[in-house]
Amino acid sequence: MKHLQHLLKAGIVSWLIALGVWQIAALMFGKPDFLPGPLDVFQGSRELIADGSWLKFVLISLRRVLAGWLLGSLWGVPIGLLIGHVKIFRQLVEPYLNFFRFIPSIAFITLFVLWFGIGEESKLILIMYGTSFIVILNTAAGVLALDEEKVRAARSLGASETQIFFHVIIPATIPYIYTGVRLAMGNSFMAIVGAEMIAANEGIGYLIWTSRLYFKTDWVFIGLISLGLMGFLTDRVIRFISAQAFRRYGITTETRFGGK
């Protein structure tokens, strides 16, 4: 408890120092349109909160991110399991995987808008694309990292291949899946910002993009801070839910992922 309180105090002090440096830098430039300080950003946030647009944009972007991330993870996990477990499937899929994973999701915005329109479908598919590769690669790495002795031991005890897959391979791969979906959340936010900048009239990405038309640099900072807070909170929720599930099944996150 004392250690946690110490870390909390250190974090607060660190943020206060960062805000102080930011405010001093803004005063030195003396141009709020170029570098607004924390006070300018706070004033701008009051405007957006007062008319309800900030909360509306946050909820819209968060809904898109969570939906695309969840769909991409649900699709990526079984593909990763198959790649890691079935050699012939891995040999067939790896060339495509290693080709497309180097093409960023934002490069497909024009095509996705052309193919799926400017509605929610194009944005969700874009997020799914950006999410799935990290989940697939981490899941496959977890399967391939499995100690072969565990598989042999299960076979010697009479376990079928199906039982080995569901009771040995998948449980051993869960920590890697966990890492993959956490990392993929960051890609989901990158994808939605690009999509909302180009093909949306609502959302945080739209707020950042349109702020330039009105020289509202403080709104740009509000959008950036909002994305950071949304990502931080969603990551905390994922970590909390995963920790509860891992504790139930005797899996610890401290040794695998550097603690809570």
C-alpha atoms as a PDB file:
ATOM      1  CA  MET A   1       0.000   0.000   0.000  1.00  0.00           C
ATOM      2  CA  LYS A   2       2.808   2.408   0.889  1.00  0.00           C
ATOM      3  CA  HIS A   3       4.566   1.574  -2.367  1.00  0.00           C
ATOM      4  CA  LEU A   4       1.357   2.301  -4.290  1.00  0.00           C
ATOM      5  CA  GLN A   5       0.893   5.622  -2.492  1.00  0.00           C
ATOM      6  CA  HIS A   6       4.502   6.556  -3.271  1.00  0.00           C
ATOM      7  CA  LEU A   7       3.995   5.794  -6.966  1.00  0.00           C
ATOM      8  CA  LEU A   8       0.755   7.790  -6.990  1.00  0.00           C
ATOM      9  CA  LYS A   9       2.419  10.823  -5.427  1.00  0.00           C
ATOM     10  CA  ALA A  10       5.359  10.547  -7.827  1.00  0.00           C
ATOM     11  CA  GLY A  11       2.954  10.404 -10.773  1.00  0.00           C
ATOM     12  CA  ILE A  12       1.070  13.491  -9.604  1.00  0.00           C
ATOM     13  CA  VAL A  13       4.307  15.429  -9.087  1.00  0.00           C
ATOM     14  CA  SER A  14       5.517  14.362 -12.536  1.00  0.00           C
ATOM     15  CA  TRP A  15       2.309  15.631 -14.177  1.00  0.00           C
ATOM     16  CA  LEU A  16       2.458  18.922 -12.268  1.00  0.00           C
ATOM     17  CA  ILE A  17       6.034  19.454 -13.456  1.00  0.00           C
ATOM     18  CA  ALA A  18       5.017  18.694 -17.044  1.00  0.00           C
ATOM     19  CA  LEU A  19       2.120  21.173 -16.850  1.00  0.00           C
ATOM     20  CA  GLY A  20       4.440  23.805 -15.398  1.00  0.00           C
ATOM     21  CA  VAL A  21       7.000  23.356 -18.175  1.00  0.00           C
ATOM     22  CA  TRP A  22       4.196  23.465 -20.748  1.00  0.00           C
ATOM     23  CA  GLN A  23       2.798  26.706 -19.331  1.00  0.00           C
ATOM     24  CA  ILE A  24       6.244  28.345 -19.219  1.00  0.00           C
ATOM     25  CA  ALA A  25       6.929  27.332 -22.829  1.00  0.00           C
ATOM     26  CA  ALA A  26       3.565  28.785 -23.898  1.00  0.00           C
ATOM     27  CA  LEU A  27       4.328  32.071 -22.143  1.00  0.00           C
ATOM     28  CA  MET A  28       7.754  32.233 -23.779  1.00  0.00           C
ATOM     29  CA  PHE A  29       6.259  31.889 -27.258  1.00  0.00           C
ATOM     30  CA  GLY A  30       3.458  34.294 -26.406  1.00  0.00           C
ATOM     31  CA  LYS A  31       1.304  33.018 -29.284  1.00  0.00           C
ATOM     32  CA  PRO A  32      -1.706  30.960 -28.143  1.00  0.00           C
ATOM     33  CA  ASP A  33      -2.486  30.086 -31.774  1.00  0.00           C
ATOM     34  CA  PHE A  34       0.931  28.447 -32.028  1.00  0.00           C
ATOM     35  CA  LEU A  35       1.321  26.894 -28.567  1.00  0.00           C
ATOM     36  CA  PRO A  36      -1.605  27.322 -26.203  1.00  0.00           C
ATOM     37  CA  GLY A  37      -0.847  26.774 -22.541  1.00  0.00           C
ATOM     38  CA  PRO A  38      -2.766  24.558 -20.124  1.00  0.00           C
ATOM     39  CA  LEU A  39      -4.959  27.498 -19.095  1.00  0.00           C
ATOM     40  CA  ASP A  40      -5.900  28.209 -22.726  1.00  0.00           C
ATOM     41  CA  VAL A  41      -6.676  24.535 -23.306  1.00  0.00           C
ATOM     42  CA  PHE A  42      -8.763  24.437 -20.140  1.00  0.00           C
ATOM     43  CA  GLN A  43     -10.760  27.448 -21.327  1.00  0.00           C
ATOM     44  CA  GLY A  44     -11.283  25.831 -24.728  1.00  0.00           C
ATOM     45  CA  SER A  45     -12.422  22.612 -23.092  1.00  0.00           C
ATOM     46  CA  ARG A  46     -15.059  24.519 -21.151  1.00  0.00           C
ATOM     47  CA  GLU A  47     -16.514  25.746 -24.443  1.00  0.00           C
ATOM     48  CA  LEU A  48     -16.680  22.244 -25.920  1.00  0.00           C
ATOM     49  CA  ILE A  49     -18.078  20.725 -22.737  1.00  0.00           C
ATOM     50  CA  ALA A  50     -20.694  23.472 -22.371  1.00  0.00           C
ATOM     51  CA  ASP A  51     -22.228  22.848 -25.807  1.00  0.00           C
ATOM     52  CA  GLY A  52     -22.044  19.064 -25.367  1.00  0.00           C
ATOM     53  CA  SER A  53     -19.823  18.433 -28.402  1.00  0.00           C
ATOM     54  CA  TRP A  54     -16.831  17.110 -26.443  1.00  0.00           C
ATOM     55  CA  LEU A  55     -18.721  14.325 -24.676  1.00  0.00           C
ATOM     56  CA  LYS A  56     -20.562  13.469 -27.887  1.00  0.00           C
ATOM     57  CA  PHE A  57     -17.329  13.184 -29.899  1.00  0.00           C
ATOM     58  CA  VAL A  58     -15.593  11.163 -27.179  1.00  0.00           C
ATOM     59  CA  LEU A  59     -18.430   8.646 -26.940  1.00  0.00           C
ATOM     60  CA  ILE A  60     -18.658   8.294 -30.730  1.00  0.00           C
ATOM     61  CA  SER A  61     -14.920   7.677 -31.133  1.00  0.00           C
ATOM     62  CA  LEU A  62     -14.815   5.334 -28.149  1.00  0.00           C
ATOM     63  CA  ARG A  63     -17.726   3.302 -29.504  1.00  0.00           C
ATOM     64  CA  ARG A  64     -16.021   2.949 -32.880  1.00  0.00           C
ATOM     65  CA  VAL A  65     -12.684   1.996 -31.339  1.00  0.00           C
ATOM     66  CA  LEU A  66     -14.129  -0.611 -28.984  1.00  0.00           C
ATOM     67  CA  ALA A  67     -16.318  -2.173 -31.675  1.00  0.00           C
ATOM     68  CA  GLY A  68     -13.505  -2.377 -34.255  1.00  0.00           C
ATOM     69  CA  TRP A  69     -10.977  -3.560 -31.663  1.00  0.00           C
ATOM     70  CA  LEU A  70     -13.293  -6.264 -30.365  1.00  0.00           C
ATOM     71  CA  LEU A  71     -14.148  -7.533 -33.850  1.00  0.00           C
ATOM     72  CA  GLY A  72     -10.485  -7.470 -34.905  1.00  0.00           C
ATOM     73  CA  SER A  73      -9.459  -9.369 -31.763  1.00  0.00           C
ATOM     74  CA  LEU A  74     -12.212 -11.969 -32.156  1.00  0.00           C
ATOM     75  CA  TRP A  75     -11.071 -12.549 -35.725  1.00  0.00           C
ATOM     76  CA  GLY A  76      -7.341 -12.375 -35.005  1.00  0.00           C
ATOM     77  CA  VAL A  77      -7.142 -14.841 -32.111  1.00  0.00           C
ATOM     78  CA  PRO A  78      -8.419 -17.947 -33.955  1.00  0.00           C
ATOM     79  CA  ILE A  79      -6.323 -17.084 -37.021  1.00  0.00           C
ATOM     80  CA  GLY A  80      -3.246 -16.766 -34.809  1.00  0.00           C
ATOM     81  CA  LEU A  81      -4.002 -20.090 -33.116  1.00  0.00           C
ATOM     82  CA  LEU A  82      -4.298 -21.810 -36.485  1.00  0.00           C
ATOM     83  CA  ILE A  83      -1.093 -20.221 -37.795  1.00  0.00           C
ATOM     84  CA  GLY A  84       0.831 -21.371 -34.755  1.00  0.00           C
ATOM     85  CA  HIS A  85      -0.681 -24.859 -34.544  1.00  0.00           C
ATOM     86  CA  VAL A  86      -1.193 -25.938 -38.158  1.00  0.00           C
ATOM     87  CA  LYS A  87       2.051 -25.876 -40.143  1.00  0.00           C
ATOM     88  CA  ILE A  88       0.484 -26.037 -43.602  1.00  0.00           C
ATOM     89  CA  PHE A  89      -1.885 -23.189 -42.726  1.00  0.00           C
ATOM     90  CA  ARG A  90       1.071 -21.150 -41.452  1.00  0.00           C
ATOM     91  CA  GLN A  91       2.994 -21.703 -44.681  1.00  0.00           C
ATOM     92  CA  LEU A  92      -0.006 -20.630 -46.764  1.00  0.00           C
ATOM     93  CA  VAL A  93      -0.906 -17.533 -44.745  1.00  0.00           C
ATOM     94  CA  GLU A  94       2.488 -16.154 -43.692  1.00  0.00           C
ATOM     95  CA  PRO A  95       3.367 -14.570 -47.077  1.00  0.00           C
ATOM     96  CA  TYR A  96       0.140 -12.553 -47.060  1.00  0.00           C
ATOM     97  CA  LEU A  97       0.467 -11.733 -43.380  1.00  0.00           C
ATOM     98  CA  ASN A  98       4.015 -10.455 -43.778  1.00  0.00           C
ATOM     99  CA  PHE A  99       2.981  -8.411 -46.815  1.00  0.00           C
ATOM    100  CA  PHE A 100      -0.138  -6.677 -45.540  1.00  0.00           C
ATOM    101  CA  ARG A 101       1.033  -6.035 -41.982  1.00  0.00           C
ATOM    102  CA  PHE A 102       3.545  -3.506 -43.299  1.00  0.00           C
ATOM    103  CA  ILE A 103       0.817  -1.483 -45.011  1.00  0.00           C
ATOM    104  CA  PRO A 104      -0.623   0.909 -42.402  1.00  0.00           C
ATOM    105  CA  SER A 105      -4.381   1.040 -42.016  1.00  0.00           C
ATOM    106  CA  ILE A 106      -4.501   4.734 -42.888  1.00  0.00           C
ATOM    107  CA  ALA A 107      -3.264   3.862 -46.409  1.00  0.00           C
ATOM    108  CA  PHE A 108      -6.545   2.029 -47.025  1.00  0.00           C
ATOM    109  CA  ILE A 109      -8.852   4.889 -46.029  1.00  0.00           C
ATOM    110  CA  THR A 110      -9.555   5.977 -49.606  1.00  0.00           C
ATOM    111  CA  LEU A 111     -10.263   2.433 -50.782  1.00  0.00           C
ATOM    112  CA  PHE A 112     -12.419   1.563 -47.785  1.00  0.00           C
ATOM    113  CA  VAL A 113     -14.494   4.702 -48.202  1.00  0.00           C
ATOM    114  CA  LEU A 114     -14.884   3.877 -51.898  1.00  0.00           C
ATOM    115  CA  TRP A 115     -15.841   0.263 -51.213  1.00  0.00           C
ATOM    116  CA  PHE A 116     -17.876   0.587 -48.006  1.00  0.00           C
ATOM    117  CA  GLY A 117     -19.016   4.230 -48.056  1.00  0.00           C
ATOM    118  CA  ILE A 118     -18.503   6.986 -45.492  1.00  0.00           C
ATOM    119  CA  GLY A 119     -20.683   5.317 -42.864  1.00  0.00           C
ATOM    120  CA  GLU A 120     -19.657   3.251 -39.872  1.00  0.00           C
ATOM    121  CA  GLU A 121     -18.727   0.180 -41.909  1.00  0.00           C
ATOM    122  CA  SER A 122     -15.590   1.688 -43.435  1.00  0.00           C
ATOM    123  CA  LYS A 123     -14.360   2.899 -40.053  1.00  0.00           C
ATOM    124  CA  LEU A 124     -14.984  -0.410 -38.299  1.00  0.00           C
ATOM    125  CA  ILE A 125     -13.249  -2.379 -41.046  1.00  0.00           C
ATOM    126  CA  LEU A 126     -10.309   0.021 -40.930  1.00  0.00           C
ATOM    127  CA  ILE A 127      -9.944  -0.489 -37.168  1.00  0.00           C
ATOM    128  CA  MET A 128     -10.309  -4.255 -37.566  1.00  0.00           C
ATOM    129  CA  TYR A 129      -7.512  -4.203 -40.128  1.00  0.00           C
ATOM    130  CA  GLY A 130      -5.220  -2.219 -37.822  1.00  0.00           C
ATOM    131  CA  THR A 131      -6.061  -4.420 -34.850  1.00  0.00           C
ATOM    132  CA  SER A 132      -5.916  -7.918 -36.241  1.00  0.00           C
ATOM    133  CA  PHE A 133      -2.259  -8.171 -37.274  1.00  0.00           C
ATOM    134  CA  ILE A 134      -0.845  -7.537 -33.797  1.00  0.00           C
ATOM    135  CA  VAL A 135      -3.308  -9.993 -32.268  1.00  0.00           C
ATOM    136  CA  ILE A 136      -2.526 -12.624 -34.903  1.00  0.00           C
ATOM    137  CA  LEU A 137       1.244 -12.308 -34.535  1.00  0.00           C
ATOM    138  CA  ASN A 138       1.218 -12.401 -30.725  1.00  0.00           C
ATOM    139  CA  THR A 139      -1.183 -15.332 -30.611  1.00  0.00           C
ATOM    140  CA  ALA A 140       0.859 -17.311 -33.134  1.00  0.00           C
ATOM    141  CA  ALA A 141       4.058 -16.506 -31.215  1.00  0.00           C
ATOM    142  CA  GLY A 142       2.443 -17.861 -28.051  1.00  0.00           C
ATOM    143  CA  VAL A 143       1.561 -21.154 -29.713  1.00  0.00           C
ATOM    144  CA  LEU A 144       5.027 -21.526 -31.221  1.00  0.00           C
ATOM    145  CA  ALA A 145       6.652 -20.721 -27.861  1.00  0.00           C
ATOM    146  CA  LEU A 146       4.807 -23.561 -26.126  1.00  0.00           C
ATOM    147  CA  ASP A 147       7.105 -26.134 -24.539  1.00  0.00           C
ATOM    148  CA  GLU A 148       6.817 -29.288 -26.618  1.00  0.00           C
ATOM    149  CA  GLU A 149       7.247 -31.361 -23.464  1.00  0.00           C
ATOM    150  CA  LYS A 150       3.794 -30.279 -22.302  1.00  0.00           C
ATOM    151  CA  VAL A 151       2.246 -31.538 -25.516  1.00  0.00           C
ATOM    152  CA  ARG A 152       4.107 -34.854 -25.277  1.00  0.00           C
ATOM    153  CA  ALA A 153       3.037 -35.250 -21.661  1.00  0.00           C
ATOM    154  CA  ALA A 154      -0.600 -34.677 -22.599  1.00  0.00           C
ATOM    155  CA  ARG A 155      -0.360 -37.231 -25.417  1.00  0.00           C
ATOM    156  CA  SER A 156       1.260 -39.794 -23.113  1.00  0.00           C
ATOM    157  CA  LEU A 157      -1.717 -39.420 -20.776  1.00  0.00           C
ATOM    158  CA  GLY A 158      -4.083 -40.266 -23.618  1.00  0.00           C
ATOM    159  CA  ALA A 159      -5.273 -36.762 -24.553  1.00  0.00           C
ATOM    160  CA  SER A 160      -6.625 -36.346 -28.063  1.00  0.00           C
ATOM    161  CA  GLU A 161      -5.410 -33.595 -30.393  1.00  0.00           C
ATOM    162  CA  THR A 162      -8.605 -31.644 -29.726  1.00  0.00           C
ATOM    163  CA  GLN A 163      -8.108 -31.913 -25.976  1.00  0.00           C
ATOM    164  CA  ILE A 164      -4.480 -30.832 -26.326  1.00  0.00           C
ATOM    165  CA  PHE A 165      -5.533 -27.820 -28.368  1.00  0.00           C
ATOM    166  CA  PHE A 166      -8.202 -26.611 -25.939  1.00  0.00           C
ATOM    167  CA  HIS A 167      -6.642 -27.657 -22.622  1.00  0.00           C
ATOM    168  CA  VAL A 168      -2.904 -27.212 -23.259  1.00  0.00           C
ATOM    169  CA  ILE A 169      -2.235 -24.882 -26.183  1.00  0.00           C
ATOM    170  CA  ILE A 170      -4.920 -22.247 -25.628  1.00  0.00           C
ATOM    171  CA  PRO A 171      -4.311 -21.826 -21.853  1.00  0.00           C
ATOM    172  CA  ALA A 172      -0.569 -21.496 -22.458  1.00  0.00           C
ATOM    173  CA  THR A 173      -1.212 -18.888 -25.163  1.00  0.00           C
ATOM    174  CA  ILE A 174      -3.557 -16.679 -23.116  1.00  0.00           C
ATOM    175  CA  PRO A 175      -0.782 -14.346 -21.831  1.00  0.00           C
ATOM    176  CA  TYR A 176       0.378 -13.727 -25.397  1.00  0.00           C
ATOM    177  CA  ILE A 177      -3.187 -13.063 -26.514  1.00  0.00           C
ATOM    178  CA  TYR A 178      -3.520 -10.602 -23.639  1.00  0.00           C
ATOM    179  CA  THR A 179      -0.395  -8.749 -24.754  1.00  0.00           C
ATOM    180  CA  GLY A 180      -1.606  -8.696 -28.348  1.00  0.00           C
ATOM    181  CA  VAL A 181      -5.028  -7.231 -27.612  1.00  0.00           C
ATOM    182  CA  ARG A 182      -3.508  -4.565 -25.356  1.00  0.00           C
ATOM    183  CA  LEU A 183      -1.038  -3.500 -28.022  1.00  0.00           C
ATOM    184  CA  ALA A 184      -3.748  -3.632 -30.664  1.00  0.00           C
ATOM    185  CA  MET A 185      -5.806  -1.069 -28.754  1.00  0.00           C
ATOM    186  CA  GLY A 186      -3.162   1.558 -29.595  1.00  0.00           C
ATOM    187  CA  ASN A 187      -3.439   0.726 -33.287  1.00  0.00           C
ATOM    188  CA  SER A 188      -7.211   1.025 -33.036  1.00  0.00           C
ATOM    189  CA  PHE A 189      -6.922   4.615 -31.839  1.00  0.00           C
ATOM    190  CA  MET A 190      -4.480   5.442 -34.642  1.00  0.00           C
ATOM    191  CA  ALA A 191      -6.850   3.991 -37.217  1.00  0.00           C
ATOM    192  CA  ILE A 192      -9.932   5.830 -35.959  1.00  0.00           C
ATOM    193  CA  VAL A 193      -8.178   9.202 -35.907  1.00  0.00           C
ATOM    194  CA  GLY A 194      -7.187   8.829 -39.553  1.00  0.00           C
ATOM    195  CA  ALA A 195     -10.666   7.667 -40.537  1.00  0.00           C
ATOM    196  CA  GLU A 196     -12.434  10.475 -38.680  1.00  0.00           C
ATOM    197  CA  MET A 197     -10.133  13.094 -40.131  1.00  0.00           C
ATOM    198  CA  ILE A 198     -11.000  12.146 -43.695  1.00  0.00           C
ATOM    199  CA  ALA A 199     -14.421  10.475 -43.716  1.00  0.00           C
ATOM    200  CA  ALA A 200     -16.468  11.657 -40.730  1.00  0.00           C
ATOM    201  CA  ASN A 201     -18.347  14.644 -39.394  1.00  0.00           C
ATOM    202  CA  GLU A 202     -18.209  13.506 -35.776  1.00  0.00           C
ATOM    203  CA  GLY A 203     -15.563  12.176 -33.407  1.00  0.00           C
ATOM    204  CA  ILE A 204     -12.267  13.259 -31.876  1.00  0.00           C
ATOM    205  CA  GLY A 205     -10.377  12.867 -35.153  1.00  0.00           C
ATOM    206  CA  TYR A 206     -12.923  15.124 -36.826  1.00  0.00           C
ATOM    207  CA  LEU A 207     -12.479  17.666 -33.995  1.00  0.00           C
ATOM    208  CA  ILE A 208      -8.704  17.715 -34.446  1.00  0.00           C
ATOM    209  CA  TRP A 209      -8.923  17.996 -38.231  1.00  0.00           C
ATOM    210  CA  THR A 210     -11.550  20.751 -38.388  1.00  0.00           C
ATOM    211  CA  SER A 211      -9.919  22.821 -35.638  1.00  0.00           C
ATOM    212  CA  ARG A 212      -7.340  24.009 -38.153  1.00  0.00           C
ATOM    213  CA  LEU A 213     -10.050  25.785 -40.138  1.00  0.00           C
ATOM    214  CA  TYR A 214     -10.795  28.045 -37.180  1.00  0.00           C
ATOM    215  CA  PHE A 215      -7.198  28.346 -35.926  1.00  0.00           C
ATOM    216  CA  LYS A 216      -8.326  26.703 -32.694  1.00  0.00           C
ATOM    217  CA  THR A 217      -5.050  25.120 -31.649  1.00  0.00           C
ATOM    218  CA  ASP A 218      -6.406  24.690 -28.141  1.00  0.00           C
ATOM    219  CA  TRP A 219      -9.074  22.351 -29.553  1.00  0.00           C
ATOM    220  CA  VAL A 220      -6.340  20.303 -31.194  1.00  0.00           C
ATOM    221  CA  PHE A 221      -4.701  19.866 -27.792  1.00  0.00           C
ATOM    222  CA  ILE A 222      -8.076  18.954 -26.295  1.00  0.00           C
ATOM    223  CA  GLY A 223      -8.449  16.235 -28.919  1.00  0.00           C
ATOM    224  CA  LEU A 224      -4.957  14.900 -28.230  1.00  0.00           C
ATOM    225  CA  ILE A 225      -5.507  14.875 -24.472  1.00  0.00           C
ATOM    226  CA  SER A 226      -8.880  13.192 -24.954  1.00  0.00           C
ATOM    227  CA  LEU A 227      -7.290  10.414 -27.015  1.00  0.00           C
ATOM    228  CA  GLY A 228      -4.626   9.897 -24.352  1.00  0.00           C
ATOM    229  CA  LEU A 229      -7.198   9.701 -21.570  1.00  0.00           C
ATOM    230  CA  MET A 230      -9.456   7.370 -23.560  1.00  0.00           C
ATOM    231  CA  GLY A 231      -6.541   5.047 -24.295  1.00  0.00           C
ATOM    232  CA  PHE A 232      -5.303   5.138 -20.707  1.00  0.00           C
ATOM    233  CA  LEU A 233      -8.729   4.330 -19.257  1.00  0.00           C
ATOM    234  CA  THR A 234      -9.549   1.555 -21.736  1.00  0.00           C
ATOM    235  CA  ASP A 235      -6.147  -0.036 -21.104  1.00  0.00           C
ATOM    236  CA  ARG A 236      -6.790   0.091 -17.352  1.00  0.00           C
ATOM    237  CA  VAL A 237     -10.159  -1.567 -17.814  1.00  0.00           C
ATOM    238  CA  ILE A 238      -8.612  -4.325 -19.949  1.00  0.00           C
ATOM    239  CA  ARG A 239      -5.882  -4.878 -17.372  1.00  0.00           C
ATOM    240  CA  PHE A 240      -8.375  -5.026 -14.515  1.00  0.00           C
ATOM    241  CA  ILE A 241     -10.696  -7.489 -16.247  1.00  0.00           C
ATOM    242  CA  SER A 242      -7.764  -9.633 -17.382  1.00  0.00           C
ATOM    243  CA  ALA A 243      -6.221  -9.635 -13.901  1.00  0.00           C
ATOM    244  CA  GLN A 244      -9.484 -10.881 -12.403  1.00  0.00           C
ATOM    245  CA  ALA A 245      -9.788 -13.610 -15.012  1.00  0.00           C
ATOM    246  CA  PHE A 246      -6.127 -14.625 -14.702  1.00  0.00           C
ATOM    247  CA  ARG A 247      -6.362 -14.776 -10.922  1.00  0.00           C
ATOM    248  CA  ARG A 248      -9.350 -17.062 -11.212  1.00  0.00           C
ATOM    249  CA  TYR A 249      -7.429 -19.498 -13.396  1.00  0.00           C
ATOM    250  CA  GLY A 250      -4.103 -19.133 -11.595  1.00  0.00           C
ATOM    251  CA  ILE A 251      -2.331 -17.069 -14.259  1.00  0.00           C
ATOM    252  CA  THR A 252      -0.266 -14.132 -13.003  1.00  0.00           C
ATOM    253  CA  THR A 253       0.457 -11.008 -15.033  1.00  0.00           C
ATOM    254  CA  GLU A 254       3.337  -9.778 -12.909  1.00  0.00           C
ATOM    255  CA  THR A 255       5.992 -12.117 -14.305  1.00  0.00           C
ATOM    256  CA  ARG A 256       4.683 -12.023 -17.861  1.00  0.00           C
ATOM    257  CA  PHE A 257       4.007  -8.355 -18.363  1.00  0.00           C
ATOM    258  CA  GLY A 258       6.113  -6.446 -15.859  1.00  0.00           C
ATOM    259  CA  GLY A 259       3.510  -6.099 -13.112  1.00  0.00           C
ATOM    260  CA  LYS A 260       0.277  -4.229 -12.781  1.00  0.00           C
END
